[in-house]
Each structure stands twice: as C-alpha cells, then as structure tokens.
Amino acid sequence: MPRTRILDHVQTAVDVQHHLIVAHDVTNVGHDRDQLSNMAGQVKAAMGVEALDVLADRDYFKGEEVQRTPIAVRPTSV
C-alpha cells in the first residue's frame, strides 16, 4: 500500500504590540517561500496599514516575494 504524505503549513501574522493574530492561512505546498505577499495582503486588509516590519526566518521568503507584496515590507531574518 503506498504511503500518503500530507503537508500542511500554517502561516500566521501577529500584531506584536497587542499579541493578537491578525491573519492566518493553511497551505499544502511543501515550502513557505511564496507566502509573504499573501500574508502581507491579509495583514493590509485586516489592519488597514500601508507599511509594516516583518520578522520571518530566512527560508520563509525570497526577494521576488518582497517585491510582490501589496504593502511596504522590511523583512528581518531570524
């Protein structure tokens, strides 16, 4: 019997001042590198901001994603 692998990646965006989750998403893609613009768009809609500081591990995004985001993002790698 073949084994099936299910990959779920949960993305969250947190307002660090108020310690609240402002956006989330679940994907079944095997990596997170294309999620920065998606999550930034959700944060923009939820918080009504035009710019934000992003704290993410370096495997979470790639340069093209930073340029594709709908708001001004300054990513900081962990």
PDB file of N, CA and C in Angstrom:
ATOM      1  N   MET A   1       0.845  -1.168   0.000  1.00  0.00           N
ATOM      2  CA  MET A   1       0.000   0.000   0.000  1.00  0.00           C
ATOM      3  C   MET A   1       0.903   1.248   0.000  1.00  0.00           C
ATOM      4  N   PRO A   2       0.697   2.176  -0.944  1.00  0.00           N
ATOM      5  CA  PRO A   2       1.515   3.393  -0.976  1.00  0.00           C
ATOM      6  C   PRO A   2       1.208   4.294   0.221  1.00  0.00           C
ATOM      7  N   ARG A   3       2.250   4.930   0.669  1.00  0.00           N
ATOM      8  CA  ARG A   3       2.083   5.858   1.792  1.00  0.00           C
ATOM      9  C   ARG A   3       1.752   7.239   1.241  1.00  0.00           C
ATOM     10  N   THR A   4       0.887   7.921   1.915  1.00  0.00           N
ATOM     11  CA  THR A   4       0.489   9.266   1.517  1.00  0.00           C
ATOM     12  C   THR A   4       1.039  10.262   2.522  1.00  0.00           C
ATOM     13  N   ARG A   5       1.649  11.319   2.005  1.00  0.00           N
ATOM     14  CA  ARG A   5       2.143  12.387   2.867  1.00  0.00           C
ATOM     15  C   ARG A   5       1.264  13.603   2.681  1.00  0.00           C
ATOM     16  N   ILE A   6       0.811  14.134   3.762  1.00  0.00           N
ATOM     17  CA  ILE A   6       0.031  15.361   3.721  1.00  0.00           C
ATOM     18  C   ILE A   6       0.866  16.438   4.399  1.00  0.00           C
ATOM     19  N   LEU A   7       1.139  17.493   3.651  1.00  0.00           N
ATOM     20  CA  LEU A   7       1.944  18.591   4.182  1.00  0.00           C
ATOM     21  C   LEU A   7       1.044  19.795   4.388  1.00  0.00           C
ATOM     22  N   ASP A   8       0.922  20.225   5.603  1.00  0.00           N
ATOM     23  CA  ASP A   8       0.176  21.436   5.899  1.00  0.00           C
ATOM     24  C   ASP A   8       1.120  22.436   6.532  1.00  0.00           C
ATOM     25  N   HIS A   9       1.130  23.631   5.990  1.00  0.00           N
ATOM     26  CA  HIS A   9       1.923  24.712   6.551  1.00  0.00           C
ATOM     27  C   HIS A   9       0.960  25.790   7.020  1.00  0.00           C
ATOM     28  N   VAL A  10       1.043  26.121   8.280  1.00  0.00           N
ATOM     29  CA  VAL A  10       0.183  27.154   8.845  1.00  0.00           C
ATOM     30  C   VAL A  10       0.971  28.449   8.898  1.00  0.00           C
ATOM     31  N   GLN A  11       0.399  29.495   8.315  1.00  0.00           N
ATOM     32  CA  GLN A  11       1.011  30.817   8.325  1.00  0.00           C
ATOM     33  C   GLN A  11       0.227  31.683   9.299  1.00  0.00           C
ATOM     34  N   THR A  12       0.917  32.465  10.102  1.00  0.00           N
ATOM     35  CA  THR A  12       0.238  33.408  10.990  1.00  0.00           C
ATOM     36  C   THR A  12       0.952  34.745  10.937  1.00  0.00           C
ATOM     37  N   ALA A  13       0.196  35.795  11.087  1.00  0.00           N
ATOM     38  CA  ALA A  13       0.741  37.141  11.214  1.00  0.00           C
ATOM     39  C   ALA A  13       0.220  37.694  12.532  1.00  0.00           C
ATOM     40  N   VAL A  14       1.131  38.177  13.355  1.00  0.00           N
ATOM     41  CA  VAL A  14       0.789  38.595  14.712  1.00  0.00           C
ATOM     42  C   VAL A  14       1.115  40.062  14.906  1.00  0.00           C
ATOM     43  N   ASP A  15       0.190  40.791  15.519  1.00  0.00           N
ATOM     44  CA  ASP A  15       0.436  42.166  15.940  1.00  0.00           C
ATOM     45  C   ASP A  15       1.201  42.078  17.261  1.00  0.00           C
ATOM     46  N   VAL A  16       2.488  42.413  17.230  1.00  0.00           N
ATOM     47  CA  VAL A  16       3.323  42.218  18.417  1.00  0.00           C
ATOM     48  C   VAL A  16       2.992  43.199  19.533  1.00  0.00           C
ATOM     49  N   GLN A  17       2.422  44.334  19.206  1.00  0.00           N
ATOM     50  CA  GLN A  17       2.059  45.297  20.250  1.00  0.00           C
ATOM     51  C   GLN A  17       0.902  44.768  21.093  1.00  0.00           C
ATOM     52  N   HIS A  18      -0.078  44.139  20.450  1.00  0.00           N
ATOM     53  CA  HIS A  18      -1.262  43.665  21.161  1.00  0.00           C
ATOM     54  C   HIS A  18      -1.284  42.147  21.349  1.00  0.00           C
ATOM     55  N   HIS A  19      -0.286  41.454  20.788  1.00  0.00           N
ATOM     56  CA  HIS A  19      -0.172  39.997  20.918  1.00  0.00           C
ATOM     57  C   HIS A  19      -1.407  39.276  20.375  1.00  0.00           C
ATOM     58  N   LEU A  20      -1.869  39.727  19.202  1.00  0.00           N
ATOM     59  CA  LEU A  20      -3.045  39.129  18.573  1.00  0.00           C
ATOM     60  C   LEU A  20      -2.702  38.628  17.179  1.00  0.00           C
ATOM     61  N   ILE A  21      -3.271  37.500  16.813  1.00  0.00           N
ATOM     62  CA  ILE A  21      -3.140  37.001  15.441  1.00  0.00           C
ATOM     63  C   ILE A  21      -4.079  37.831  14.573  1.00  0.00           C
ATOM     64  N   VAL A  22      -3.537  38.469  13.543  1.00  0.00           N
ATOM     65  CA  VAL A  22      -4.358  39.311  12.673  1.00  0.00           C
ATOM     66  C   VAL A  22      -4.648  38.648  11.333  1.00  0.00           C
ATOM     67  N   ALA A  23      -3.903  37.602  10.982  1.00  0.00           N
ATOM     68  CA  ALA A  23      -4.150  36.872   9.742  1.00  0.00           C
ATOM     69  C   ALA A  23      -3.582  35.467   9.875  1.00  0.00           C
ATOM     70  N   HIS A  24      -4.199  34.527   9.176  1.00  0.00           N
ATOM     71  CA  HIS A  24      -3.680  33.157   9.145  1.00  0.00           C
ATOM     72  C   HIS A  24      -4.064  32.493   7.832  1.00  0.00           C
ATOM     73  N   ASP A  25      -3.355  31.445   7.510  1.00  0.00           N
ATOM     74  CA  ASP A  25      -3.629  30.689   6.296  1.00  0.00           C
ATOM     75  C   ASP A  25      -3.016  29.300   6.450  1.00  0.00           C
ATOM     76  N   VAL A  26      -3.589  28.326   5.796  1.00  0.00           N
ATOM     77  CA  VAL A  26      -3.059  26.961   5.786  1.00  0.00           C
ATOM     78  C   VAL A  26      -2.875  26.551   4.325  1.00  0.00           C
ATOM     79  N   THR A  27      -1.683  26.059   4.003  1.00  0.00           N
ATOM     80  CA  THR A  27      -1.408  25.606   2.638  1.00  0.00           C
ATOM     81  C   THR A  27      -0.890  24.177   2.682  1.00  0.00           C
ATOM     82  N   ASN A  28      -0.929  23.527   1.560  1.00  0.00           N
ATOM     83  CA  ASN A  28      -0.364  22.177   1.479  1.00  0.00           C
ATOM     84  C   ASN A  28       0.826  22.150   0.524  1.00  0.00           C
ATOM     85  N   VAL A  29       1.415  23.308   0.263  1.00  0.00           N
ATOM     86  CA  VAL A  29       2.630  23.410  -0.533  1.00  0.00           C
ATOM     87  C   VAL A  29       3.797  22.983   0.351  1.00  0.00           C
ATOM     88  N   GLY A  30       4.792  22.346  -0.218  1.00  0.00           N
ATOM     89  CA  GLY A  30       5.896  21.799   0.557  1.00  0.00           C
ATOM     90  C   GLY A  30       6.877  22.811   1.130  1.00  0.00           C
ATOM     91  N   HIS A  31       6.672  24.103   0.856  1.00  0.00           N
ATOM     92  CA  HIS A  31       7.561  25.133   1.399  1.00  0.00           C
ATOM     93  C   HIS A  31       6.779  26.430   1.610  1.00  0.00           C
ATOM     94  N   ASP A  32       7.373  27.368   2.329  1.00  0.00           N
ATOM     95  CA  ASP A  32       6.713  28.627   2.673  1.00  0.00           C
ATOM     96  C   ASP A  32       7.206  29.815   1.861  1.00  0.00           C
ATOM     97  N   ARG A  33       8.126  29.614   0.950  1.00  0.00           N
ATOM     98  CA  ARG A  33       8.815  30.731   0.293  1.00  0.00           C
ATOM     99  C   ARG A  33       7.915  31.655  -0.513  1.00  0.00           C
ATOM    100  N   ASP A  34       6.709  31.247  -0.850  1.00  0.00           N
ATOM    101  CA  ASP A  34       5.817  32.082  -1.644  1.00  0.00           C
ATOM    102  C   ASP A  34       4.661  32.648  -0.834  1.00  0.00           C
ATOM    103  N   GLN A  35       4.776  32.695   0.465  1.00  0.00           N
ATOM    104  CA  GLN A  35       3.650  33.109   1.297  1.00  0.00           C
ATOM    105  C   GLN A  35       3.721  34.546   1.806  1.00  0.00           C
ATOM    106  N   LEU A  36       4.854  35.208   1.645  1.00  0.00           N
ATOM    107  CA  LEU A  36       4.995  36.553   2.210  1.00  0.00           C
ATOM    108  C   LEU A  36       3.983  37.529   1.619  1.00  0.00           C
ATOM    109  N   SER A  37       3.835  37.569   0.297  1.00  0.00           N
ATOM    110  CA  SER A  37       2.902  38.528  -0.303  1.00  0.00           C
ATOM    111  C   SER A  37       1.459  38.197   0.068  1.00  0.00           C
ATOM    112  N   ASN A  38       1.119  36.915   0.136  1.00  0.00           N
ATOM    113  CA  ASN A  38      -0.220  36.500   0.550  1.00  0.00           C
ATOM    114  C   ASN A  38      -0.522  36.989   1.963  1.00  0.00           C
ATOM    115  N   MET A  39       0.377  36.740   2.879  1.00  0.00           N
ATOM    116  CA  MET A  39       0.150  37.139   4.266  1.00  0.00           C
ATOM    117  C   MET A  39       0.162  38.657   4.425  1.00  0.00           C
ATOM    118  N   ALA A  40       1.028  39.343   3.679  1.00  0.00           N
ATOM    119  CA  ALA A  40       1.068  40.805   3.746  1.00  0.00           C
ATOM    120  C   ALA A  40      -0.256  41.395   3.270  1.00  0.00           C
ATOM    121  N   GLY A  41      -0.838  40.821   2.230  1.00  0.00           N
ATOM    122  CA  GLY A  41      -2.142  41.282   1.757  1.00  0.00           C
ATOM    123  C   GLY A  41      -3.233  41.087   2.789  1.00  0.00           C
ATOM    124  N   GLN A  42      -3.187  39.967   3.488  1.00  0.00           N
ATOM    125  CA  GLN A  42      -4.168  39.714   4.544  1.00  0.00           C
ATOM    126  C   GLN A  42      -4.005  40.699   5.699  1.00  0.00           C
ATOM    127  N   VAL A  43      -2.753  41.004   6.040  1.00  0.00           N
ATOM    128  CA  VAL A  43      -2.497  41.966   7.115  1.00  0.00           C
ATOM    129  C   VAL A  43      -2.981  43.352   6.704  1.00  0.00           C
ATOM    130  N   LYS A  44      -2.728  43.733   5.465  1.00  0.00           N
ATOM    131  CA  LYS A  44      -3.175  45.033   4.973  1.00  0.00           C
ATOM    132  C   LYS A  44      -4.692  45.149   5.100  1.00  0.00           C
ATOM    133  N   ALA A  45      -5.405  44.109   4.701  1.00  0.00           N
ATOM    134  CA  ALA A  45      -6.861  44.121   4.779  1.00  0.00           C
ATOM    135  C   ALA A  45      -7.357  44.140   6.223  1.00  0.00           C
ATOM    136  N   ALA A  46      -6.710  43.373   7.083  1.00  0.00           N
ATOM    137  CA  ALA A  46      -7.167  43.269   8.472  1.00  0.00           C
ATOM    138  C   ALA A  46      -6.839  44.499   9.300  1.00  0.00           C
ATOM    139  N   MET A  47      -5.671  45.106   9.058  1.00  0.00           N
ATOM    140  CA  MET A  47      -5.219  46.203   9.905  1.00  0.00           C
ATOM    141  C   MET A  47      -5.284  47.571   9.234  1.00  0.00           C
ATOM    142  N   GLY A  48      -5.460  47.591   7.919  1.00  0.00           N
ATOM    143  CA  GLY A  48      -5.511  48.859   7.216  1.00  0.00           C
ATOM    144  C   GLY A  48      -4.202  49.624   7.235  1.00  0.00           C
ATOM    145  N   VAL A  49      -3.075  48.903   7.150  1.00  0.00           N
ATOM    146  CA  VAL A  49      -1.760  49.542   7.178  1.00  0.00           C
ATOM    147  C   VAL A  49      -1.171  49.601   5.775  1.00  0.00           C
ATOM    148  N   GLU A  50      -0.267  50.535   5.553  1.00  0.00           N
ATOM    149  CA  GLU A  50       0.415  50.655   4.271  1.00  0.00           C
ATOM    150  C   GLU A  50       1.860  50.181   4.349  1.00  0.00           C
ATOM    151  N   ALA A  51       2.396  50.015   5.559  1.00  0.00           N
ATOM    152  CA  ALA A  51       3.773  49.547   5.738  1.00  0.00           C
ATOM    153  C   ALA A  51       3.844  48.763   7.043  1.00  0.00           C
ATOM    154  N   LEU A  52       4.757  47.809   7.100  1.00  0.00           N
ATOM    155  CA  LEU A  52       4.964  47.073   8.336  1.00  0.00           C
ATOM    156  C   LEU A  52       6.335  46.440   8.351  1.00  0.00           C
ATOM    157  N   ASP A  53       6.809  46.141   9.543  1.00  0.00           N
ATOM    158  CA  ASP A  53       8.050  45.399   9.727  1.00  0.00           C
ATOM    159  C   ASP A  53       7.687  43.924   9.831  1.00  0.00           C
ATOM    160  N   VAL A  54       8.441  43.092   9.145  1.00  0.00           N
ATOM    161  CA  VAL A  54       8.175  41.662   9.122  1.00  0.00           C
ATOM    162  C   VAL A  54       9.354  40.930   9.743  1.00  0.00           C
ATOM    163  N   LEU A  55       9.073  40.043  10.660  1.00  0.00           N
ATOM    164  CA  LEU A  55      10.090  39.194  11.259  1.00  0.00           C
ATOM    165  C   LEU A  55       9.800  37.775  10.787  1.00  0.00           C
ATOM    166  N   ALA A  56      10.716  37.223   9.984  1.00  0.00           N
ATOM    167  CA  ALA A  56      10.494  35.891   9.410  1.00  0.00           C
ATOM    168  C   ALA A  56      11.824  35.172   9.284  1.00  0.00           C
ATOM    169  N   ASP A  57      11.792  33.845   9.368  1.00  0.00           N
ATOM    170  CA  ASP A  57      13.027  33.111   9.142  1.00  0.00           C
ATOM    171  C   ASP A  57      13.417  33.234   7.675  1.00  0.00           C
ATOM    172  N   ARG A  58      14.683  33.077   7.384  1.00  0.00           N
ATOM    173  CA  ARG A  58      15.174  33.376   6.041  1.00  0.00           C
ATOM    174  C   ARG A  58      14.651  32.425   4.973  1.00  0.00           C
ATOM    175  N   ASP A  59      14.122  31.286   5.335  1.00  0.00           N
ATOM    176  CA  ASP A  59      13.553  30.373   4.354  1.00  0.00           C
ATOM    177  C   ASP A  59      12.085  30.681   4.048  1.00  0.00           C
ATOM    178  N   TYR A  60      11.515  31.666   4.728  1.00  0.00           N
ATOM    179  CA  TYR A  60      10.099  31.978   4.547  1.00  0.00           C
ATOM    180  C   TYR A  60       9.835  32.781   3.282  1.00  0.00           C
ATOM    181  N   PHE A  61      10.798  33.552   2.839  1.00  0.00           N
ATOM    182  CA  PHE A  61      10.554  34.415   1.689  1.00  0.00           C
ATOM    183  C   PHE A  61      11.756  34.444   0.771  1.00  0.00           C
ATOM    184  N   LYS A  62      11.556  34.936  -0.424  1.00  0.00           N
ATOM    185  CA  LYS A  62      12.628  35.164  -1.368  1.00  0.00           C
ATOM    186  C   LYS A  62      12.470  36.590  -1.891  1.00  0.00           C
ATOM    187  N   GLY A  63      13.481  37.116  -2.546  1.00  0.00           N
ATOM    188  CA  GLY A  63      13.480  38.508  -2.979  1.00  0.00           C
ATOM    189  C   GLY A  63      12.281  38.894  -3.817  1.00  0.00           C
ATOM    190  N   GLU A  64      11.861  37.993  -4.700  1.00  0.00           N
ATOM    191  CA  GLU A  64      10.714  38.284  -5.563  1.00  0.00           C
ATOM    192  C   GLU A  64       9.449  38.484  -4.742  1.00  0.00           C
ATOM    193  N   GLU A  65       9.311  37.752  -3.659  1.00  0.00           N
ATOM    194  CA  GLU A  65       8.142  37.882  -2.795  1.00  0.00           C
ATOM    195  C   GLU A  65       8.105  39.247  -2.123  1.00  0.00           C
ATOM    196  N   VAL A  66       9.246  39.754  -1.704  1.00  0.00           N
ATOM    197  CA  VAL A  66       9.294  41.065  -1.070  1.00  0.00           C
ATOM    198  C   VAL A  66       8.832  42.127  -2.065  1.00  0.00           C
ATOM    199  N   GLN A  67       9.272  42.027  -3.310  1.00  0.00           N
ATOM    200  CA  GLN A  67       8.872  42.989  -4.330  1.00  0.00           C
ATOM    201  C   GLN A  67       7.401  42.859  -4.710  1.00  0.00           C
ATOM    202  N   ARG A  68       6.823  41.687  -4.550  1.00  0.00           N
ATOM    203  CA  ARG A  68       5.438  41.421  -4.947  1.00  0.00           C
ATOM    204  C   ARG A  68       4.419  41.788  -3.869  1.00  0.00           C
ATOM    205  N   THR A  69       4.861  42.094  -2.672  1.00  0.00           N
ATOM    206  CA  THR A  69       3.921  42.358  -1.584  1.00  0.00           C
ATOM    207  C   THR A  69       3.103  43.613  -1.850  1.00  0.00           C
ATOM    208  N   PRO A  70       1.842  43.633  -1.426  1.00  0.00           N
ATOM    209  CA  PRO A  70       0.970  44.770  -1.693  1.00  0.00           C
ATOM    210  C   PRO A  70       1.198  45.969  -0.772  1.00  0.00           C
ATOM    211  N   ILE A  71       2.078  45.826   0.196  1.00  0.00           N
ATOM    212  CA  ILE A  71       2.416  46.930   1.093  1.00  0.00           C
ATOM    213  C   ILE A  71       3.924  46.987   1.277  1.00  0.00           C
ATOM    214  N   ALA A  72       4.416  48.093   1.779  1.00  0.00           N
ATOM    215  CA  ALA A  72       5.851  48.229   2.000  1.00  0.00           C
ATOM    216  C   ALA A  72       6.278  47.309   3.138  1.00  0.00           C
ATOM    217  N   VAL A  73       7.233  46.425   2.884  1.00  0.00           N
ATOM    218  CA  VAL A  73       7.668  45.432   3.869  1.00  0.00           C
ATOM    219  C   VAL A  73       9.165  45.546   4.043  1.00  0.00           C
ATOM    220  N   ARG A  74       9.603  45.536   5.287  1.00  0.00           N
ATOM    221  CA  ARG A  74      11.028  45.462   5.588  1.00  0.00           C
ATOM    222  C   ARG A  74      11.270  44.144   6.311  1.00  0.00           C
ATOM    223  N   PRO A  75      11.607  43.090   5.578  1.00  0.00           N
ATOM    224  CA  PRO A  75      11.797  41.792   6.226  1.00  0.00           C
ATOM    225  C   PRO A  75      13.069  41.737   7.063  1.00  0.00           C
ATOM    226  N   THR A  76      12.981  41.093   8.185  1.00  0.00           N
ATOM    227  CA  THR A  76      14.125  40.870   9.056  1.00  0.00           C
ATOM    228  C   THR A  76      14.260  39.370   9.247  1.00  0.00           C
ATOM    229  N   SER A  77      15.392  38.821   8.904  1.00  0.00           N
ATOM    230  CA  SER A  77      15.609  37.385   9.032  1.00  0.00           C
ATOM    231  C   SER A  77      15.951  37.010  10.456  1.00  0.00           C
ATOM    232  N   VAL A  78      15.496  35.849  10.860  1.00  0.00           N
ATOM    233  CA  VAL A  78      15.811  35.313  12.180  1.00  0.00           C
ATOM    234  C   VAL A  78      16.862  34.246  12.004  1.00  0.00           C
TER     235      VAL A  78
END
